[in-house]
Amino acid sequence: VDKLDPQSGTSLEIGSSGDTITIPSGATITNSGTASGFGAQTLVSSGTWASGTDTLSFDSVFTADYVRYVFYLTDVSSTSDYKLYIQTRRGGSYITSGYAFVTNGEDSNGNNLSNVDSPAGNMELNATAYFGGTVEKTSNAIIYFHNPYNSAQYTQINGLTCGWQNNNFQATAQFSGVDPNAASVTGFRVLVSAGNTNAGVKYALYGMAS
C-alpha cells in the first residue's frame, strides 16, 4: 500500500490520542498542500519584486490565523543609493504618517550607525544609504511583525538588515518601529527611498500561529 485514502468522506485520521507516530531516520516528508497545527512557519506569500518600481505592496496578508509574521527580503538593489522603508495598511489605506522608529548598527570600518524619528512618515530599516546603481552590491532584510491583526494593540516590527553602503563599507543594522494605533493591520508595503529596484529582488512572507 503506497497511498492512504479515507474510507468515506474527505477526512483521514492517523492514530489515536496518546499514540506516537515515528518518522525513521533518513525518511523525508514532502508537503505539496497546506499544513496546519504544527506551530511552524506557513508560507503566506512569495515572489519577485517587479523591477523598475519603488514599492512592493501587500494587502489582506495579515489575518487572525497567525500571531506573528516574518518577512524575508533578498538581493535588494536599486538604481540609486537608497534606504528601505516599511508602511502598514489599515482601514483600506497605506499609512504615511505617525510612525516611530529606531535603527542602530555598525559598518565594517567601525562606524556606529543610528537614526531615530517620531513622528515619521515610515519605519526606516537602515540608518545610512545602501549602494545603488549595480546589481552585485545588494542588501537583505528580515522583518518581524508582531500580532498585526490584533485591533487592541499597536503594531510593532523589528528585525535586521545588511548591505553594502554607499561609502563602500559593509553594514548591518537592527531596527524596530511602531504604528502607534490600536487597529487591525491587514497589510504593508516596502519602499526604496530613491531610484527603482533592479531585477532579481526576492521575497517571502511566513505566518506563525504560536
Protein backbone atom coordinates (compact mmCIF):
# COMPACT_ATOMS: atom_id res chain seq x y z
CA VAL A 1 0.00 0.00 0.00
CA ASP A 2 1.55 3.35 -1.02
CA LYS A 3 -1.46 5.64 -0.51
CA LEU A 4 -3.94 6.27 2.31
CA ASP A 5 -7.47 7.45 1.50
CA PRO A 6 -10.46 7.86 3.85
CA GLN A 7 -13.00 5.05 3.71
CA SER A 8 -15.70 7.68 3.34
CA GLY A 9 -15.77 11.46 3.13
CA THR A 10 -12.63 13.56 2.81
CA SER A 11 -11.05 13.40 6.29
CA LEU A 12 -8.38 10.92 7.38
CA GLU A 13 -7.08 10.41 10.94
CA ILE A 14 -3.82 8.60 11.69
CA GLY A 15 -3.52 7.06 15.16
CA SER A 16 -5.38 7.95 18.34
CA SER A 17 -4.80 10.34 21.21
CA GLY A 18 -1.66 9.31 23.10
CA ASP A 19 -0.14 7.42 20.17
CA THR A 20 3.32 8.25 18.80
CA ILE A 21 3.82 8.42 15.04
CA THR A 22 7.51 7.88 14.20
CA ILE A 23 9.27 9.00 11.03
CA PRO A 24 12.50 6.96 10.78
CA SER A 25 15.93 8.47 10.21
CA GLY A 26 16.58 9.15 6.54
CA ALA A 27 12.89 9.44 5.64
CA THR A 28 11.53 12.62 4.01
CA ILE A 29 8.08 14.20 4.31
CA THR A 30 7.12 16.26 1.25
CA ASN A 31 4.22 18.67 1.70
CA SER A 32 2.56 19.83 -1.53
CA GLY A 33 -0.56 21.14 0.20
CA THR A 34 -1.28 23.14 3.35
CA ALA A 35 -0.01 22.14 6.80
CA SER A 36 -1.70 23.46 9.95
CA GLY A 37 -1.43 22.93 13.69
CA PHE A 38 2.33 22.29 13.71
CA GLY A 39 3.39 25.66 15.15
CA ALA A 40 5.91 26.12 12.34
CA GLN A 41 6.13 28.80 9.68
CA THR A 42 3.45 28.68 6.99
CA LEU A 43 4.13 30.37 3.68
CA VAL A 44 1.67 33.23 3.08
CA SER A 45 3.19 34.89 0.02
CA SER A 46 6.38 34.72 -2.04
CA GLY A 47 7.68 36.00 -5.33
CA THR A 48 9.87 38.59 -7.02
CA TRP A 49 9.68 42.36 -6.65
CA ALA A 50 8.90 43.79 -10.09
CA SER A 51 11.94 45.59 -11.46
CA GLY A 52 11.66 49.26 -12.35
CA THR A 53 9.39 50.04 -9.36
CA ASP A 54 10.00 51.62 -5.97
CA THR A 55 7.21 49.93 -3.96
CA LEU A 56 6.26 46.33 -3.09
CA SER A 57 2.71 46.17 -1.68
CA PHE A 58 0.79 43.50 0.23
CA ASP A 59 -2.90 43.67 1.12
CA SER A 60 -5.02 41.18 3.09
CA VAL A 61 -1.98 39.11 4.11
CA PHE A 62 -2.42 39.62 7.87
CA THR A 63 -5.33 37.75 9.46
CA ALA A 64 -6.34 36.30 12.81
CA ASP A 65 -4.85 32.95 11.73
CA TYR A 66 -1.35 33.94 12.85
CA VAL A 67 0.03 35.97 15.75
CA ARG A 68 3.49 36.54 14.24
CA TYR A 69 4.79 37.02 10.74
CA VAL A 70 8.31 37.06 9.35
CA PHE A 71 9.20 38.67 6.03
CA TYR A 72 12.40 37.89 4.12
CA LEU A 73 13.73 40.29 1.50
CA THR A 74 16.69 39.03 -0.53
CA ASP A 75 19.12 40.56 -3.04
CA VAL A 76 17.70 44.09 -2.96
CA SER A 77 19.32 46.57 -5.35
CA SER A 78 18.18 49.91 -6.69
CA THR A 79 19.22 52.25 -9.47
CA SER A 80 20.17 54.90 -6.84
CA ASP A 81 21.56 54.88 -3.31
CA TYR A 82 18.62 54.02 -1.06
CA LYS A 83 17.15 53.27 2.32
CA LEU A 84 14.42 50.68 2.96
CA TYR A 85 11.11 51.76 4.47
CA ILE A 86 8.01 49.95 5.77
CA GLN A 87 4.47 51.35 5.89
CA THR A 88 1.43 49.49 7.25
CA ARG A 89 -2.03 49.16 5.72
CA ARG A 90 -5.17 49.51 7.83
CA GLY A 91 -8.68 50.79 7.20
CA GLY A 92 -8.19 50.30 3.46
CA SER A 93 -5.23 52.70 3.16
CA TYR A 94 -1.46 52.69 3.50
CA ILE A 95 -0.43 54.89 6.42
CA THR A 96 2.05 57.66 5.61
CA SER A 97 2.45 59.44 8.97
CA GLY A 98 2.69 58.96 12.72
CA TYR A 99 5.31 56.18 12.95
CA ALA A 100 8.22 55.95 15.39
CA PHE A 101 11.40 54.01 14.68
CA VAL A 102 14.92 53.30 15.94
CA THR A 103 17.82 51.92 13.87
CA ASN A 104 21.22 51.04 15.28
CA GLY A 105 24.19 49.36 13.63
CA GLU A 106 27.81 49.44 12.55
CA ASP A 107 29.80 49.22 9.35
CA SER A 108 32.99 47.29 8.56
CA ASN A 109 35.08 50.43 9.14
CA GLY A 110 33.89 50.60 12.76
CA ASN A 111 31.50 53.49 12.26
CA ASN A 112 28.43 53.49 14.51
CA LEU A 113 25.20 53.91 12.55
CA SER A 114 21.97 55.08 14.13
CA ASN A 115 18.86 57.06 13.42
CA VAL A 116 15.58 57.77 15.25
CA ASP A 117 12.43 59.65 14.36
CA SER A 118 8.93 60.24 15.73
CA PRO A 119 6.53 61.07 14.25
CA ALA A 120 7.76 59.80 10.90
CA GLY A 121 6.25 59.02 7.51
CA ASN A 122 7.53 55.43 7.57
CA MET A 123 9.56 52.94 9.58
CA GLU A 124 13.20 53.04 8.48
CA LEU A 125 15.23 49.81 8.28
CA ASN A 126 18.77 51.11 7.67
CA ALA A 127 20.36 54.26 9.13
CA THR A 128 22.61 55.04 6.16
CA ALA A 129 22.01 54.54 2.45
CA TYR A 130 22.88 51.30 0.71
CA PHE A 131 24.77 51.41 -2.58
CA GLY A 132 22.72 51.86 -5.73
CA GLY A 133 23.32 51.54 -9.44
CA THR A 134 24.72 48.00 -9.61
CA VAL A 135 23.10 44.61 -9.10
CA GLU A 136 26.02 42.92 -7.33
CA LYS A 137 26.04 45.26 -4.29
CA THR A 138 22.82 44.16 -2.63
CA SER A 139 21.09 44.38 0.73
CA ASN A 140 18.93 41.90 2.62
CA ALA A 141 16.35 42.18 5.40
CA ILE A 142 14.43 40.06 7.90
CA ILE A 143 11.35 41.79 9.33
CA TYR A 144 9.13 40.51 12.15
CA PHE A 145 5.52 41.72 12.51
CA HIS A 146 4.06 41.12 15.96
CA ASN A 147 0.34 40.28 16.02
CA PRO A 148 -0.53 42.96 13.43
CA TYR A 149 -4.19 41.95 13.07
CA ASN A 150 -4.93 42.49 16.77
CA SER A 151 -7.03 45.65 16.99
CA ALA A 152 -6.39 46.04 20.74
CA GLN A 153 -2.72 47.00 20.47
CA TYR A 154 -0.16 48.98 18.48
CA THR A 155 1.55 47.14 15.62
CA GLN A 156 5.28 46.74 16.19
CA ILE A 157 8.03 45.47 13.90
CA ASN A 158 11.69 44.67 14.41
CA GLY A 159 14.46 42.94 12.54
CA LEU A 160 17.83 43.07 10.82
CA THR A 161 19.28 44.42 7.60
CA CYS A 162 22.68 44.03 6.00
CA GLY A 163 24.13 45.52 2.85
CA TRP A 164 26.88 47.36 1.01
CA GLN A 165 26.82 51.05 1.84
CA ASN A 166 27.39 53.97 -0.49
CA ASN A 167 30.67 54.66 1.37
CA ASN A 168 31.93 51.22 0.23
CA PHE A 169 31.73 49.51 3.62
CA GLN A 170 29.56 46.57 4.61
CA ALA A 171 26.93 47.48 7.19
CA THR A 172 24.48 45.75 9.47
CA ALA A 173 21.61 47.26 11.45
CA GLN A 174 18.99 46.34 13.99
CA PHE A 175 15.71 48.21 13.80
CA SER A 176 12.35 48.50 15.50
CA GLY A 177 9.30 50.52 14.61
CA VAL A 178 5.71 51.04 15.64
CA ASP A 179 2.44 52.14 14.09
CA PRO A 180 1.00 53.69 17.28
CA ASN A 181 -2.67 52.98 16.62
CA ALA A 182 -4.80 50.24 18.14
CA ALA A 183 -6.26 48.95 14.88
CA SER A 184 -6.14 45.82 12.73
CA VAL A 185 -3.31 46.00 10.23
CA THR A 186 -4.13 43.91 7.14
CA GLY A 187 -1.04 44.53 5.02
CA PHE A 188 2.10 46.54 4.44
CA ARG A 189 4.39 47.87 1.75
CA VAL A 190 8.15 48.10 1.34
CA LEU A 191 9.69 51.12 -0.35
CA VAL A 192 13.12 52.09 -1.61
CA SER A 193 13.77 55.75 -0.82
CA ALA A 194 15.38 56.54 -4.17
CA GLY A 195 15.56 55.02 -7.64
CA ASN A 196 13.78 51.84 -8.73
CA THR A 197 14.56 48.21 -7.99
CA ASN A 198 16.67 46.12 -10.32
CA ALA A 199 15.65 42.62 -11.40
CA GLY A 200 16.09 39.68 -9.03
CA VAL A 201 14.76 41.02 -5.71
CA LYS A 202 13.02 38.10 -3.96
CA TYR A 203 10.64 37.99 -1.02
CA ALA A 204 8.77 35.52 1.19
CA LEU A 205 6.23 36.11 3.98
CA TYR A 206 5.51 33.42 6.59
CA GLY A 207 2.92 33.25 9.35
CA MET A 208 3.31 31.58 12.76
CA ALA A 209 0.27 30.57 14.78
CA SER A 210 2.01 30.46 18.17
